[in-house]
Amino acid sequence: MRGLKDLIALCPETCMGHELRAEASYIHDFYNSAENLFRQVAEQLNGGMPRGDAWHKLLLQEMKNAIPENGRP
């Protein structure tokens, strides 16, 4: 997946607001889809979603952990 800097480097003069907004929307949609999957995994395997102001970060950290053979943390 390309980052914002990569997109701007590809089309610095021609990449106006609409094109940039469209790319940002694709990135946002991808992240939301991944986060929704992570939420389901957290509910099924981790006993629920992390709580607090940093729940997004905690959820991502949980998703990088290996799943034990018995399927429970």
Protein backbone atom coordinates (compact mmCIF):
# COMPACT_ATOMS: atom_id res chain seq x y z
CA MET A 1 0.00 0.00 0.00
CA ARG A 2 1.30 3.41 -0.89
CA GLY A 3 1.74 6.07 1.69
CA LEU A 4 0.81 9.73 1.33
CA LYS A 5 4.41 10.74 0.61
CA ASP A 6 4.58 8.12 -2.17
CA LEU A 7 1.38 9.46 -3.72
CA ILE A 8 2.58 13.05 -3.69
CA ALA A 9 5.93 12.01 -5.19
CA LEU A 10 4.12 10.27 -8.06
CA CYS A 11 2.10 13.30 -9.04
CA PRO A 12 3.22 16.48 -7.26
CA GLU A 13 1.67 18.90 -9.77
CA THR A 14 -1.28 16.87 -10.97
CA CYS A 15 -2.37 15.34 -7.70
CA MET A 16 -4.97 17.87 -6.70
CA GLY A 17 -7.42 17.69 -3.85
CA HIS A 18 -9.86 15.22 -5.40
CA GLU A 19 -7.24 12.64 -6.33
CA LEU A 20 -5.51 12.98 -2.98
CA ARG A 21 -8.84 12.71 -1.17
CA ALA A 22 -9.72 9.58 -3.13
CA GLU A 23 -6.41 7.92 -2.20
CA ALA A 24 -6.86 8.91 1.44
CA SER A 25 -10.36 7.45 1.35
CA TYR A 26 -9.01 4.11 0.08
CA ILE A 27 -6.44 4.03 2.88
CA HIS A 28 -9.11 4.92 5.45
CA ASP A 29 -11.47 2.22 4.14
CA PHE A 30 -8.71 -0.38 4.24
CA TYR A 31 -7.80 0.52 7.83
CA ASN A 32 -11.45 0.45 8.92
CA SER A 33 -11.90 -2.98 7.36
CA ALA A 34 -8.80 -4.30 9.11
CA GLU A 35 -9.89 -2.76 12.41
CA ASN A 36 -13.33 -4.37 12.13
CA LEU A 37 -11.69 -7.76 11.63
CA PHE A 38 -9.40 -7.09 14.60
CA ARG A 39 -12.45 -6.25 16.72
CA GLN A 40 -14.02 -9.60 15.87
CA VAL A 41 -10.80 -11.43 16.72
CA ALA A 42 -10.52 -9.53 20.01
CA GLU A 43 -14.08 -10.46 20.94
CA GLN A 44 -13.65 -14.14 20.06
CA LEU A 45 -10.11 -14.82 21.26
CA ASN A 46 -9.12 -12.09 23.69
CA GLY A 47 -12.31 -11.76 25.69
CA GLY A 48 -13.24 -8.35 24.37
CA MET A 49 -11.93 -5.05 23.15
CA PRO A 50 -9.25 -3.08 24.96
CA ARG A 51 -10.54 -0.12 26.94
CA GLY A 52 -9.32 3.40 27.47
CA ASP A 53 -8.10 6.27 25.34
CA ALA A 54 -5.41 4.17 23.65
CA TRP A 55 -7.72 1.30 22.61
CA HIS A 56 -6.73 1.61 18.92
CA LYS A 57 -3.06 1.18 19.76
CA LEU A 58 -3.74 -1.62 22.24
CA LEU A 59 -5.90 -3.45 19.70
CA LEU A 60 -3.10 -3.34 17.11
CA GLN A 61 -0.60 -4.56 19.70
CA GLU A 62 -2.90 -7.47 20.60
CA MET A 63 -3.22 -8.48 16.95
CA LYS A 64 0.52 -8.97 16.57
CA ASN A 65 0.59 -11.59 19.35
CA ALA A 66 0.68 -15.26 18.39
CA ILE A 67 -2.39 -17.35 19.07
CA PRO A 68 -1.61 -20.23 21.48
CA GLU A 69 -2.37 -23.75 20.28
CA ASN A 70 -5.47 -23.97 22.49
CA GLY A 71 -6.84 -20.79 20.86
CA ARG A 72 -6.94 -18.84 24.12
CA PRO A 73 -4.47 -16.24 25.41
